[in-house]
Amino acid sequence: MRSSFLITLIAITRLVCGGPVTTDNDAAFVGTIDDNAAFGGAIDEELANILNNSTLQMSGAISEKADGIAINPNSSEPIALSKLSGPSQILQMHNSRRYYHQVAPLRWSQGLANFAQSWANQCHYGHTNDPRFGENIAMGLPTWEATMKAWSDDEEGLFDYQNGGFSQATGHFTQIAWRETTLVGCAVQQCTRGLYFVCEYSAPGNVRGGYRQNVFPRRGY
């Protein structure tokens, strides 16, 4: 149960218009990843373009943050980072969940992944406070699969789809399912408190007034 954990949760956001994506093509929701971009060197130009094209601050939209998820690790034995899921798997975990919530797949951004890695490497548990990106963090979970479950699966049933709005209990999920978000980049680092998972998103989600236009119920509900 979550009450047994030392809990904290994190995310950010942006306003958007539009409705859910409707398609019977499951393959369309797997997402795309450029192997050269995803596994190559730093893509500083891509990150610069994201930053330069960000209109969140100029629009006056207000992003909201959820606290992050942190638990005391069950074992003090570190897990080899090389054994954790890589970019393709992390992207698929995001997009399979987005598919069920009727929104288009994300694309992997190595620029965002580099930004996430630079933050994770500091082992400073908390938000970057950069309003240009959405952000989810977790500390002490054993794998990306467990992290995505905590961020999305454990939260989606708590969200009020009828009225929308921000909640500390659902802020990770709403960022993952946010319709306007198109890019994601993630990283992980081994810290003294356990594995530190960080994902950055563009455009950011969880913007006030944008929930009903961006977060939709599961298909068939």
N, C-alpha and C. Protein backbone atom coordinates (compact mmCIF):
# COMPACT_ATOMS: atom_id res chain seq x y z
N MET A 1 0.83 -1.20 0.00
CA MET A 1 0.00 0.00 0.00
C MET A 1 0.86 1.24 0.00
N ARG A 2 0.36 2.31 -0.62
CA ARG A 2 1.14 3.53 -0.69
C ARG A 2 1.39 4.13 0.67
N SER A 3 0.48 3.89 1.63
CA SER A 3 0.65 4.48 2.94
C SER A 3 1.87 3.95 3.65
N SER A 4 2.39 2.78 3.18
CA SER A 4 3.58 2.22 3.81
C SER A 4 4.85 2.81 3.24
N PHE A 5 4.72 3.62 2.24
CA PHE A 5 5.89 4.21 1.61
C PHE A 5 6.08 5.64 2.08
N LEU A 6 7.35 6.08 2.02
CA LEU A 6 7.62 7.51 2.16
C LEU A 6 7.30 8.11 0.80
N ILE A 7 6.21 8.89 0.73
CA ILE A 7 5.68 9.30 -0.57
C ILE A 7 5.99 10.76 -0.86
N THR A 8 6.30 10.95 -2.11
CA THR A 8 6.41 12.27 -2.73
C THR A 8 6.13 12.07 -4.23
N LEU A 9 5.66 12.95 -5.11
CA LEU A 9 5.30 12.77 -6.54
C LEU A 9 5.61 14.00 -7.40
N ILE A 10 5.96 13.95 -8.75
CA ILE A 10 6.28 15.20 -9.49
C ILE A 10 5.82 15.26 -10.97
N ALA A 11 5.38 16.46 -11.44
CA ALA A 11 4.96 16.69 -12.83
C ALA A 11 4.82 18.17 -13.15
N ILE A 12 4.71 18.57 -14.50
CA ILE A 12 4.34 19.93 -14.92
C ILE A 12 3.43 19.89 -16.17
N THR A 13 3.01 21.09 -16.80
CA THR A 13 1.93 21.03 -17.79
C THR A 13 1.70 22.19 -18.77
N ARG A 14 0.67 22.06 -19.68
CA ARG A 14 0.34 23.09 -20.66
C ARG A 14 -1.06 22.94 -21.23
N LEU A 15 -1.69 24.07 -21.59
CA LEU A 15 -3.07 24.07 -22.09
C LEU A 15 -3.11 23.70 -23.57
N VAL A 16 -4.14 22.95 -23.98
CA VAL A 16 -4.28 22.52 -25.36
C VAL A 16 -5.74 22.29 -25.69
N CYS A 17 -6.06 22.36 -26.97
CA CYS A 17 -7.42 22.08 -27.41
C CYS A 17 -7.42 20.80 -28.22
N GLY A 18 -8.58 20.20 -28.38
CA GLY A 18 -8.69 19.01 -29.20
C GLY A 18 -9.34 17.88 -28.44
N GLY A 19 -9.67 16.80 -29.18
CA GLY A 19 -10.32 15.66 -28.58
C GLY A 19 -9.44 14.44 -28.62
N PRO A 20 -9.98 13.32 -28.17
CA PRO A 20 -9.19 12.09 -28.16
C PRO A 20 -8.92 11.58 -29.56
N VAL A 21 -7.83 10.84 -29.70
CA VAL A 21 -7.50 10.21 -30.96
C VAL A 21 -8.34 8.94 -31.10
N THR A 22 -8.91 8.72 -32.26
CA THR A 22 -9.69 7.51 -32.49
C THR A 22 -9.09 6.75 -33.65
N THR A 23 -8.65 5.53 -33.40
CA THR A 23 -8.06 4.69 -34.44
C THR A 23 -8.11 3.25 -33.96
N ASP A 24 -8.21 2.32 -34.90
CA ASP A 24 -8.17 0.91 -34.55
C ASP A 24 -6.79 0.32 -34.79
N ASN A 25 -5.85 1.16 -35.19
CA ASN A 25 -4.52 0.68 -35.51
C ASN A 25 -3.64 0.71 -34.27
N ASP A 26 -3.54 -0.43 -33.58
CA ASP A 26 -2.73 -0.48 -32.37
C ASP A 26 -1.28 -0.12 -32.65
N ALA A 27 -0.78 -0.51 -33.82
CA ALA A 27 0.62 -0.26 -34.13
C ALA A 27 0.94 1.22 -34.16
N ALA A 28 -0.06 2.04 -34.45
CA ALA A 28 0.17 3.48 -34.52
C ALA A 28 0.54 4.06 -33.16
N PHE A 29 0.30 3.32 -32.10
CA PHE A 29 0.53 3.84 -30.76
C PHE A 29 1.80 3.28 -30.13
N VAL A 30 2.61 2.57 -30.91
CA VAL A 30 3.87 2.08 -30.38
C VAL A 30 4.85 3.23 -30.23
N GLY A 31 4.80 4.21 -31.15
CA GLY A 31 5.69 5.36 -31.07
C GLY A 31 6.93 5.17 -31.92
N THR A 32 7.74 6.22 -32.03
CA THR A 32 8.93 6.17 -32.86
C THR A 32 10.14 6.61 -32.07
N ILE A 33 11.27 6.02 -32.43
CA ILE A 33 12.52 6.38 -31.79
C ILE A 33 13.62 6.28 -32.84
N ASP A 34 14.38 7.32 -32.98
CA ASP A 34 15.49 7.36 -33.91
C ASP A 34 16.70 6.77 -33.21
N ASP A 35 17.15 5.58 -33.66
CA ASP A 35 18.26 4.92 -32.96
C ASP A 35 19.49 5.79 -32.87
N ASN A 36 19.80 6.52 -33.94
CA ASN A 36 20.98 7.37 -33.92
C ASN A 36 20.83 8.48 -32.89
N ALA A 37 19.63 9.07 -32.85
CA ALA A 37 19.40 10.16 -31.90
C ALA A 37 19.29 9.63 -30.48
N ALA A 38 18.63 8.48 -30.34
CA ALA A 38 18.35 7.99 -28.99
C ALA A 38 19.58 7.41 -28.31
N PHE A 39 20.45 6.78 -29.08
CA PHE A 39 21.57 6.09 -28.47
C PHE A 39 22.91 6.73 -28.80
N GLY A 40 22.87 7.83 -29.55
CA GLY A 40 24.11 8.51 -29.91
C GLY A 40 24.53 9.54 -28.89
N GLY A 41 25.29 10.53 -29.34
CA GLY A 41 25.80 11.56 -28.44
C GLY A 41 24.75 12.59 -28.11
N ALA A 42 25.19 13.65 -27.44
CA ALA A 42 24.27 14.70 -27.00
C ALA A 42 23.64 15.40 -28.20
N ILE A 43 22.35 15.60 -28.17
CA ILE A 43 21.64 16.30 -29.23
C ILE A 43 21.27 17.68 -28.69
N ASP A 44 22.27 18.52 -28.52
CA ASP A 44 22.04 19.82 -27.91
C ASP A 44 21.13 20.70 -28.77
N GLU A 45 21.23 20.56 -30.10
CA GLU A 45 20.41 21.37 -31.01
C GLU A 45 18.93 21.08 -30.81
N GLU A 46 18.60 19.80 -30.63
CA GLU A 46 17.21 19.42 -30.42
C GLU A 46 16.67 20.05 -29.14
N LEU A 47 17.46 19.95 -28.07
CA LEU A 47 17.02 20.53 -26.81
C LEU A 47 16.89 22.04 -26.93
N ALA A 48 17.82 22.67 -27.64
CA ALA A 48 17.75 24.12 -27.83
C ALA A 48 16.48 24.52 -28.57
N ASN A 49 16.11 23.72 -29.58
CA ASN A 49 14.89 24.02 -30.32
C ASN A 49 13.65 23.90 -29.44
N ILE A 50 13.64 22.89 -28.56
CA ILE A 50 12.52 22.74 -27.64
C ILE A 50 12.42 23.95 -26.74
N LEU A 51 13.56 24.39 -26.23
CA LEU A 51 13.56 25.54 -25.33
C LEU A 51 13.14 26.81 -26.05
N ASN A 52 13.66 27.01 -27.26
CA ASN A 52 13.35 28.23 -28.01
C ASN A 52 11.90 28.28 -28.44
N ASN A 53 11.30 27.11 -28.69
CA ASN A 53 9.92 27.07 -29.18
C ASN A 53 8.89 27.01 -28.07
N SER A 54 9.35 26.94 -26.82
CA SER A 54 8.41 26.84 -25.71
C SER A 54 7.64 28.14 -25.56
N THR A 55 6.31 28.04 -25.54
CA THR A 55 5.46 29.23 -25.41
C THR A 55 4.75 29.26 -24.06
N LEU A 56 5.07 28.33 -23.18
CA LEU A 56 4.36 28.24 -21.91
C LEU A 56 4.48 29.50 -21.09
N GLN A 57 5.72 30.01 -20.96
CA GLN A 57 5.92 31.20 -20.13
C GLN A 57 5.25 32.42 -20.75
N MET A 58 5.34 32.54 -22.08
CA MET A 58 4.76 33.70 -22.74
C MET A 58 3.24 33.66 -22.73
N SER A 59 2.65 32.46 -22.72
CA SER A 59 1.20 32.35 -22.80
C SER A 59 0.51 32.70 -21.50
N GLY A 60 1.24 32.70 -20.40
CA GLY A 60 0.65 32.97 -19.10
C GLY A 60 -0.02 31.76 -18.49
N ALA A 61 0.08 30.58 -19.14
CA ALA A 61 -0.50 29.36 -18.59
C ALA A 61 0.23 28.98 -17.31
N ILE A 62 -0.50 28.41 -16.36
CA ILE A 62 0.09 28.06 -15.07
C ILE A 62 0.26 26.55 -14.98
N SER A 63 1.51 26.11 -14.84
CA SER A 63 1.80 24.70 -14.64
C SER A 63 1.70 24.36 -13.17
N GLU A 64 1.26 23.13 -12.89
CA GLU A 64 1.16 22.69 -11.50
C GLU A 64 2.02 21.45 -11.29
N LYS A 65 2.55 21.31 -10.10
CA LYS A 65 3.44 20.20 -9.80
C LYS A 65 2.82 19.26 -8.77
N ALA A 66 2.99 17.98 -9.00
CA ALA A 66 2.69 17.01 -7.96
C ALA A 66 4.00 16.71 -7.24
N ASP A 67 3.92 16.23 -6.01
CA ASP A 67 5.14 15.82 -5.32
C ASP A 67 5.66 14.55 -5.97
N GLY A 68 6.89 14.16 -5.68
CA GLY A 68 7.48 12.96 -6.27
C GLY A 68 7.22 11.71 -5.46
N ILE A 69 7.45 10.53 -6.04
CA ILE A 69 7.29 9.27 -5.31
C ILE A 69 8.66 8.81 -4.83
N ALA A 70 8.79 8.59 -3.55
CA ALA A 70 10.04 8.06 -3.00
C ALA A 70 9.71 6.98 -1.99
N ILE A 71 10.41 5.85 -2.09
CA ILE A 71 10.21 4.80 -1.11
C ILE A 71 11.57 4.37 -0.58
N ASN A 72 11.57 3.78 0.59
CA ASN A 72 12.79 3.20 1.11
C ASN A 72 13.03 1.89 0.36
N PRO A 73 14.19 1.76 -0.32
CA PRO A 73 14.43 0.54 -1.10
C PRO A 73 14.38 -0.70 -0.22
N ASN A 74 13.86 -1.78 -0.79
CA ASN A 74 13.74 -3.03 -0.04
C ASN A 74 15.09 -3.71 0.17
N SER A 75 16.05 -3.37 -0.65
CA SER A 75 17.36 -3.99 -0.55
C SER A 75 18.43 -2.93 -0.72
N SER A 76 19.51 -3.06 0.03
CA SER A 76 20.61 -2.11 -0.08
C SER A 76 21.53 -2.46 -1.23
N GLU A 77 21.33 -3.63 -1.84
CA GLU A 77 22.18 -4.07 -2.93
C GLU A 77 21.80 -3.32 -4.21
N PRO A 78 22.72 -2.56 -4.81
CA PRO A 78 22.38 -1.77 -6.00
C PRO A 78 22.08 -2.65 -7.20
N ILE A 79 21.19 -2.18 -8.04
CA ILE A 79 20.85 -2.87 -9.28
C ILE A 79 21.68 -2.27 -10.40
N ALA A 80 22.29 -3.13 -11.22
CA ALA A 80 23.11 -2.64 -12.32
C ALA A 80 22.25 -1.84 -13.29
N LEU A 81 22.69 -0.62 -13.60
CA LEU A 81 21.93 0.23 -14.51
C LEU A 81 21.77 -0.43 -15.87
N SER A 82 22.78 -1.24 -16.27
CA SER A 82 22.74 -1.88 -17.58
C SER A 82 21.61 -2.90 -17.69
N LYS A 83 21.06 -3.33 -16.56
CA LYS A 83 19.99 -4.33 -16.58
C LYS A 83 18.60 -3.69 -16.67
N LEU A 84 18.55 -2.39 -16.57
CA LEU A 84 17.26 -1.70 -16.63
C LEU A 84 16.81 -1.49 -18.07
N SER A 85 15.52 -1.28 -18.26
CA SER A 85 14.98 -1.03 -19.60
C SER A 85 15.61 0.21 -20.21
N GLY A 86 15.78 0.19 -21.55
CA GLY A 86 16.37 1.31 -22.26
C GLY A 86 15.32 2.19 -22.91
N PRO A 87 15.75 3.16 -23.73
CA PRO A 87 14.83 4.13 -24.33
C PRO A 87 13.64 3.52 -25.07
N SER A 88 13.89 2.49 -25.89
CA SER A 88 12.78 1.91 -26.66
C SER A 88 11.71 1.33 -25.74
N GLN A 89 12.16 0.65 -24.68
CA GLN A 89 11.21 0.04 -23.76
C GLN A 89 10.46 1.10 -22.94
N ILE A 90 11.19 2.13 -22.51
CA ILE A 90 10.55 3.21 -21.73
C ILE A 90 9.51 3.93 -22.59
N LEU A 91 9.86 4.16 -23.85
CA LEU A 91 8.92 4.81 -24.77
C LEU A 91 7.67 3.95 -24.95
N GLN A 92 7.87 2.64 -25.12
CA GLN A 92 6.73 1.75 -25.30
C GLN A 92 5.83 1.73 -24.06
N MET A 93 6.44 1.79 -22.88
CA MET A 93 5.65 1.82 -21.64
C MET A 93 4.76 3.07 -21.59
N HIS A 94 5.30 4.19 -22.03
CA HIS A 94 4.50 5.41 -22.08
C HIS A 94 3.39 5.28 -23.12
N ASN A 95 3.74 4.82 -24.31
CA ASN A 95 2.77 4.86 -25.41
C ASN A 95 1.67 3.81 -25.29
N SER A 96 1.95 2.68 -24.66
CA SER A 96 0.88 1.71 -24.44
C SER A 96 -0.17 2.29 -23.51
N ARG A 97 0.25 3.07 -22.53
CA ARG A 97 -0.70 3.71 -21.62
C ARG A 97 -1.43 4.85 -22.32
N ARG A 98 -0.73 5.60 -23.14
CA ARG A 98 -1.39 6.70 -23.88
C ARG A 98 -2.43 6.14 -24.85
N TYR A 99 -2.12 5.01 -25.47
CA TYR A 99 -3.08 4.40 -26.39
C TYR A 99 -4.40 4.12 -25.69
N TYR A 100 -4.34 3.53 -24.51
CA TYR A 100 -5.57 3.20 -23.79
C TYR A 100 -6.33 4.43 -23.34
N HIS A 101 -5.65 5.57 -23.30
CA HIS A 101 -6.33 6.82 -22.93
C HIS A 101 -6.53 7.73 -24.14
N GLN A 102 -6.51 7.12 -25.33
CA GLN A 102 -7.01 7.76 -26.55
C GLN A 102 -6.18 8.94 -27.04
N VAL A 103 -4.87 8.91 -26.79
CA VAL A 103 -4.02 9.99 -27.30
C VAL A 103 -2.86 9.40 -28.09
N ALA A 104 -2.28 10.21 -28.95
CA ALA A 104 -1.24 9.76 -29.87
C ALA A 104 0.06 9.44 -29.13
N PRO A 105 0.93 8.64 -29.76
CA PRO A 105 2.18 8.23 -29.11
C PRO A 105 3.18 9.37 -29.00
N LEU A 106 4.04 9.25 -28.02
CA LEU A 106 5.15 10.19 -27.86
C LEU A 106 6.31 9.77 -28.74
N ARG A 107 7.22 10.70 -28.99
CA ARG A 107 8.51 10.41 -29.63
C ARG A 107 9.61 10.64 -28.59
N TRP A 108 10.68 9.87 -28.73
CA TRP A 108 11.80 9.99 -27.81
C TRP A 108 12.67 11.18 -28.20
N SER A 109 13.02 11.99 -27.21
CA SER A 109 13.92 13.13 -27.43
C SER A 109 15.20 12.89 -26.65
N GLN A 110 16.31 12.75 -27.36
CA GLN A 110 17.58 12.58 -26.66
C GLN A 110 17.98 13.86 -25.94
N GLY A 111 17.55 15.00 -26.47
CA GLY A 111 17.82 16.26 -25.77
C GLY A 111 17.18 16.27 -24.39
N LEU A 112 15.93 15.83 -24.31
CA LEU A 112 15.26 15.75 -23.01
C LEU A 112 15.89 14.68 -22.14
N ALA A 113 16.31 13.57 -22.75
CA ALA A 113 16.97 12.51 -21.98
C ALA A 113 18.28 13.01 -21.38
N ASN A 114 19.02 13.80 -22.15
CA ASN A 114 20.27 14.36 -21.63
C ASN A 114 20.00 15.30 -20.46
N PHE A 115 18.94 16.10 -20.60
CA PHE A 115 18.57 17.02 -19.53
C PHE A 115 18.19 16.23 -18.27
N ALA A 116 17.41 15.16 -18.47
CA ALA A 116 17.01 14.31 -17.34
C ALA A 116 18.22 13.66 -16.69
N GLN A 117 19.18 13.22 -17.52
CA GLN A 117 20.37 12.57 -16.96
C GLN A 117 21.21 13.54 -16.15
N SER A 118 21.34 14.76 -16.63
CA SER A 118 22.14 15.75 -15.90
C SER A 118 21.53 16.04 -14.53
N TRP A 119 20.20 15.99 -14.44
CA TRP A 119 19.54 16.20 -13.15
C TRP A 119 19.66 14.96 -12.26
N ALA A 120 19.43 13.78 -12.85
CA ALA A 120 19.51 12.55 -12.07
C ALA A 120 20.91 12.34 -11.51
N ASN A 121 21.93 12.71 -12.27
CA ASN A 121 23.32 12.51 -11.84
C ASN A 121 23.64 13.26 -10.55
N GLN A 122 22.90 14.31 -10.26
CA GLN A 122 23.15 15.09 -9.05
C GLN A 122 22.61 14.39 -7.80
N CYS A 123 21.72 13.41 -8.00
CA CYS A 123 21.11 12.67 -6.88
C CYS A 123 20.42 13.61 -5.90
N HIS A 124 19.95 14.74 -6.39
CA HIS A 124 19.19 15.68 -5.56
C HIS A 124 17.72 15.41 -5.79
N TYR A 125 17.07 14.79 -4.80
CA TYR A 125 15.68 14.41 -4.99
C TYR A 125 14.77 15.63 -4.90
N GLY A 126 14.15 15.95 -5.99
CA GLY A 126 13.26 17.09 -6.05
C GLY A 126 13.11 17.55 -7.49
N HIS A 127 12.29 18.55 -7.69
CA HIS A 127 12.00 19.04 -9.03
C HIS A 127 13.09 19.97 -9.54
N THR A 128 13.27 20.01 -10.86
CA THR A 128 14.21 20.95 -11.47
C THR A 128 13.67 22.37 -11.44
N ASN A 129 12.36 22.52 -11.28
CA ASN A 129 11.71 23.84 -11.28
C ASN A 129 11.83 24.56 -12.61
N ASP A 130 12.00 23.82 -13.70
CA ASP A 130 12.03 24.42 -15.04
C ASP A 130 10.62 24.31 -15.62
N PRO A 131 9.90 25.44 -15.77
CA PRO A 131 8.50 25.39 -16.22
C PRO A 131 8.33 25.04 -17.69
N ARG A 132 9.43 24.96 -18.43
CA ARG A 132 9.32 24.66 -19.86
C ARG A 132 9.07 23.18 -20.12
N PHE A 133 9.30 22.33 -19.12
CA PHE A 133 9.13 20.89 -19.28
C PHE A 133 8.15 20.34 -18.27
N GLY A 134 7.46 19.26 -18.66
CA GLY A 134 6.79 18.43 -17.69
C GLY A 134 7.83 17.49 -17.10
N GLU A 135 7.57 16.98 -15.91
CA GLU A 135 8.59 16.16 -15.25
C GLU A 135 7.96 15.19 -14.26
N ASN A 136 8.38 13.94 -14.33
CA ASN A 136 8.03 12.93 -13.33
C ASN A 136 9.31 12.39 -12.71
N ILE A 137 9.33 12.22 -11.40
CA ILE A 137 10.50 11.66 -10.73
C ILE A 137 10.07 10.58 -9.73
N ALA A 138 11.00 9.67 -9.45
CA ALA A 138 10.77 8.65 -8.43
C ALA A 138 12.12 8.21 -7.88
N MET A 139 12.15 7.86 -6.62
CA MET A 139 13.38 7.42 -5.96
C MET A 139 13.11 6.13 -5.19
N GLY A 140 13.98 5.13 -5.38
CA GLY A 140 13.93 3.93 -4.57
C GLY A 140 13.18 2.76 -5.17
N LEU A 141 12.49 2.96 -6.29
CA LEU A 141 11.81 1.85 -6.95
C LEU A 141 12.84 0.99 -7.69
N PRO A 142 12.54 -0.30 -7.94
CA PRO A 142 13.57 -1.20 -8.47
C PRO A 142 13.78 -1.17 -9.98
N THR A 143 12.75 -0.81 -10.75
CA THR A 143 12.82 -0.90 -12.21
C THR A 143 11.98 0.20 -12.85
N TRP A 144 12.15 0.37 -14.17
CA TRP A 144 11.30 1.30 -14.91
C TRP A 144 9.85 0.80 -14.92
N GLU A 145 9.68 -0.52 -14.98
CA GLU A 145 8.32 -1.07 -14.99
C GLU A 145 7.58 -0.71 -13.70
N ALA A 146 8.26 -0.85 -12.57
CA ALA A 146 7.64 -0.50 -11.28
C ALA A 146 7.39 1.00 -11.19
N THR A 147 8.29 1.78 -11.76
CA THR A 147 8.14 3.24 -11.74
C THR A 147 6.94 3.68 -12.56
N MET A 148 6.80 3.12 -13.76
CA MET A 148 5.66 3.47 -14.61
C MET A 148 4.35 3.03 -13.97
N LYS A 149 4.36 1.90 -13.29
CA LYS A 149 3.15 1.45 -12.59
C LYS A 149 2.76 2.46 -11.50
N ALA A 150 3.75 2.91 -10.75
CA ALA A 150 3.48 3.88 -9.68
C ALA A 150 3.00 5.21 -10.24
N TRP A 151 3.60 5.65 -11.35
CA TRP A 151 3.24 6.92 -11.95
C TRP A 151 1.87 6.89 -12.62
N SER A 152 1.54 5.77 -13.26
CA SER A 152 0.35 5.74 -14.12
C SER A 152 -0.73 4.79 -13.61
N ASP A 153 -0.43 3.51 -13.53
CA ASP A 153 -1.45 2.51 -13.22
C ASP A 153 -2.07 2.73 -11.84
N ASP A 154 -1.25 3.13 -10.88
CA ASP A 154 -1.75 3.32 -9.52
C ASP A 154 -2.54 4.62 -9.35
N GLU A 155 -2.45 5.50 -10.35
CA GLU A 155 -3.09 6.82 -10.23
C GLU A 155 -4.32 7.00 -11.11
N GLU A 156 -4.36 6.31 -12.26
CA GLU A 156 -5.39 6.63 -13.25
C GLU A 156 -6.81 6.46 -12.73
N GLY A 157 -7.04 5.49 -11.86
CA GLY A 157 -8.37 5.27 -11.34
C GLY A 157 -8.83 6.32 -10.35
N LEU A 158 -7.91 7.18 -9.92
CA LEU A 158 -8.24 8.23 -8.96
C LEU A 158 -8.60 9.55 -9.64
N PHE A 159 -8.38 9.63 -10.96
CA PHE A 159 -8.59 10.90 -11.66
C PHE A 159 -10.07 11.13 -11.95
N ASP A 160 -10.52 12.36 -11.76
CA ASP A 160 -11.91 12.75 -12.03
C ASP A 160 -12.02 13.24 -13.48
N TYR A 161 -12.36 12.32 -14.39
CA TYR A 161 -12.42 12.67 -15.81
C TYR A 161 -13.55 13.64 -16.11
N GLN A 162 -14.60 13.62 -15.33
CA GLN A 162 -15.75 14.47 -15.59
C GLN A 162 -15.43 15.94 -15.35
N ASN A 163 -14.72 16.21 -14.27
CA ASN A 163 -14.45 17.60 -13.90
C ASN A 163 -13.01 18.03 -14.14
N GLY A 164 -12.10 17.07 -14.31
CA GLY A 164 -10.70 17.41 -14.55
C GLY A 164 -10.08 18.10 -13.35
N GLY A 165 -8.93 18.69 -13.57
CA GLY A 165 -8.25 19.42 -12.52
C GLY A 165 -7.05 18.69 -11.96
N PHE A 166 -6.19 19.46 -11.31
CA PHE A 166 -4.95 18.92 -10.77
C PHE A 166 -5.16 18.28 -9.40
N SER A 167 -4.44 17.19 -9.17
CA SER A 167 -4.45 16.54 -7.87
C SER A 167 -3.08 15.95 -7.60
N GLN A 168 -2.61 16.05 -6.37
CA GLN A 168 -1.34 15.43 -6.00
C GLN A 168 -1.39 13.92 -6.22
N ALA A 169 -2.57 13.34 -6.12
CA ALA A 169 -2.71 11.89 -6.23
C ALA A 169 -2.66 11.38 -7.66
N THR A 170 -2.79 12.29 -8.65
CA THR A 170 -2.86 11.86 -10.05
C THR A 170 -1.93 12.62 -10.99
N GLY A 171 -1.05 13.46 -10.44
CA GLY A 171 -0.24 14.35 -11.28
C GLY A 171 0.73 13.66 -12.21
N HIS A 172 1.26 12.50 -11.82
CA HIS A 172 2.15 11.76 -12.72
C HIS A 172 1.37 11.20 -13.90
N PHE A 173 0.24 10.57 -13.57
CA PHE A 173 -0.60 9.98 -14.61
C PHE A 173 -1.05 11.01 -15.63
N THR A 174 -1.53 12.16 -15.16
CA THR A 174 -2.05 13.16 -16.09
C THR A 174 -0.96 13.70 -17.00
N GLN A 175 0.29 13.76 -16.52
CA GLN A 175 1.38 14.17 -17.41
C GLN A 175 1.63 13.12 -18.48
N ILE A 176 1.65 11.85 -18.10
CA ILE A 176 1.88 10.78 -19.06
C ILE A 176 0.79 10.74 -20.12
N ALA A 177 -0.46 10.96 -19.72
CA ALA A 177 -1.60 10.85 -20.63
C ALA A 177 -1.96 12.17 -21.32
N TRP A 178 -1.22 13.23 -21.06
CA TRP A 178 -1.57 14.56 -21.57
C TRP A 178 -1.50 14.60 -23.09
N ARG A 179 -2.60 14.99 -23.73
CA ARG A 179 -2.70 14.94 -25.19
C ARG A 179 -1.67 15.82 -25.89
N GLU A 180 -1.44 17.01 -25.37
CA GLU A 180 -0.56 17.96 -26.04
C GLU A 180 0.91 17.57 -25.97
N THR A 181 1.29 16.75 -25.02
CA THR A 181 2.68 16.32 -24.92
C THR A 181 3.04 15.44 -26.10
N THR A 182 4.20 15.70 -26.72
CA THR A 182 4.62 14.93 -27.89
C THR A 182 5.99 14.29 -27.75
N LEU A 183 6.82 14.78 -26.82
CA LEU A 183 8.19 14.28 -26.66
C LEU A 183 8.44 13.84 -25.23
N VAL A 184 9.28 12.82 -25.07
CA VAL A 184 9.70 12.38 -23.75
C VAL A 184 11.16 11.97 -23.81
N GLY A 185 11.86 12.19 -22.71
CA GLY A 185 13.24 11.73 -22.56
C GLY A 185 13.46 11.40 -21.10
N CYS A 186 14.06 10.25 -20.81
CA CYS A 186 14.17 9.79 -19.43
C CYS A 186 15.60 9.35 -19.11
N ALA A 187 15.88 9.26 -17.81
CA ALA A 187 17.20 8.84 -17.35
C ALA A 187 17.07 8.25 -15.95
N VAL A 188 18.12 7.52 -15.54
CA VAL A 188 18.15 6.93 -14.20
C VAL A 188 19.58 6.98 -13.68
N GLN A 189 19.72 7.12 -12.38
CA GLN A 189 21.03 7.12 -11.74
C GLN A 189 20.95 6.36 -10.43
N GLN A 190 22.04 5.65 -10.10
CA GLN A 190 22.12 4.98 -8.80
C GLN A 190 22.61 5.97 -7.76
N CYS A 191 21.80 6.24 -6.76
CA CYS A 191 22.14 7.17 -5.68
C CYS A 191 22.15 6.43 -4.35
N THR A 192 22.56 7.09 -3.30
CA THR A 192 22.65 6.43 -2.01
C THR A 192 21.28 5.98 -1.50
N ARG A 193 20.22 6.68 -1.90
CA ARG A 193 18.87 6.32 -1.47
C ARG A 193 18.20 5.32 -2.41
N GLY A 194 18.91 4.89 -3.43
CA GLY A 194 18.34 3.97 -4.40
C GLY A 194 18.37 4.54 -5.80
N LEU A 195 17.72 3.87 -6.72
CA LEU A 195 17.66 4.34 -8.10
C LEU A 195 16.80 5.60 -8.19
N TYR A 196 17.30 6.57 -8.95
CA TYR A 196 16.61 7.84 -9.13
C TYR A 196 16.13 7.92 -10.57
N PHE A 197 14.83 7.86 -10.79
CA PHE A 197 14.22 7.87 -12.12
C PHE A 197 13.69 9.27 -12.44
N VAL A 198 14.03 9.77 -13.64
CA VAL A 198 13.60 11.11 -14.05
C VAL A 198 13.11 11.05 -15.50
N CYS A 199 11.93 11.58 -15.78
CA CYS A 199 11.44 11.75 -17.15
C CYS A 199 11.05 13.20 -17.38
N GLU A 200 11.45 13.73 -18.53
CA GLU A 200 11.10 15.10 -18.93
C GLU A 200 10.15 15.02 -20.13
N TYR A 201 9.21 15.97 -20.19
CA TYR A 201 8.17 15.95 -21.22
C TYR A 201 8.03 17.32 -21.89
N SER A 202 7.76 17.30 -23.20
CA SER A 202 7.48 18.53 -23.93
C SER A 202 6.39 18.21 -24.97
N ALA A 203 5.39 19.05 -25.08
CA ALA A 203 5.05 20.17 -24.24
C ALA A 203 4.64 19.67 -22.85
N PRO A 204 4.82 20.49 -21.82
CA PRO A 204 4.46 20.05 -20.47
C PRO A 204 2.95 19.90 -20.31
N GLY A 205 2.57 19.04 -19.39
CA GLY A 205 1.15 18.84 -19.10
C GLY A 205 0.74 19.50 -17.79
N ASN A 206 -0.41 19.11 -17.28
CA ASN A 206 -0.94 19.61 -15.99
C ASN A 206 -1.09 21.12 -15.94
N VAL A 207 -1.53 21.71 -17.04
CA VAL A 207 -1.77 23.15 -17.06
C VAL A 207 -3.21 23.43 -16.63
N ARG A 208 -3.36 24.40 -15.80
CA ARG A 208 -4.69 24.75 -15.30
C ARG A 208 -5.65 25.03 -16.46
N GLY A 209 -6.83 24.48 -16.35
CA GLY A 209 -7.86 24.71 -17.36
C GLY A 209 -7.78 23.80 -18.56
N GLY A 210 -6.75 22.93 -18.64
CA GLY A 210 -6.58 22.11 -19.82
C GLY A 210 -6.88 20.64 -19.66
N TYR A 211 -7.35 20.22 -18.51
CA TYR A 211 -7.48 18.79 -18.23
C TYR A 211 -8.56 18.10 -19.06
N ARG A 212 -9.71 18.71 -19.20
CA ARG A 212 -10.80 18.05 -19.93
C ARG A 212 -10.48 17.94 -21.42
N GLN A 213 -9.60 18.81 -21.93
CA GLN A 213 -9.21 18.75 -23.34
C GLN A 213 -7.99 17.85 -23.56
N ASN A 214 -7.38 17.36 -22.49
CA ASN A 214 -6.12 16.64 -22.63
C ASN A 214 -6.07 15.26 -22.01
N VAL A 215 -6.91 14.98 -21.03
CA VAL A 215 -6.86 13.69 -20.33
C VAL A 215 -8.20 12.99 -20.49
N PHE A 216 -8.18 11.81 -21.13
CA PHE A 216 -9.41 11.12 -21.48
C PHE A 216 -9.51 9.75 -20.80
N PRO A 217 -10.73 9.25 -20.60
CA PRO A 217 -10.92 7.93 -19.98
C PRO A 217 -10.34 6.82 -20.84
N ARG A 218 -10.18 5.67 -20.24
CA ARG A 218 -9.74 4.50 -20.99
C ARG A 218 -10.74 4.16 -22.09
N ARG A 219 -10.26 3.59 -23.17
CA ARG A 219 -11.13 3.15 -24.25
C ARG A 219 -12.16 2.16 -23.71
N GLY A 220 -13.40 2.33 -24.17
CA GLY A 220 -14.46 1.42 -23.76
C GLY A 220 -15.18 1.82 -22.50
N TYR A 221 -14.71 2.91 -21.85
CA TYR A 221 -15.36 3.37 -20.62
C TYR A 221 -16.26 4.56 -20.92
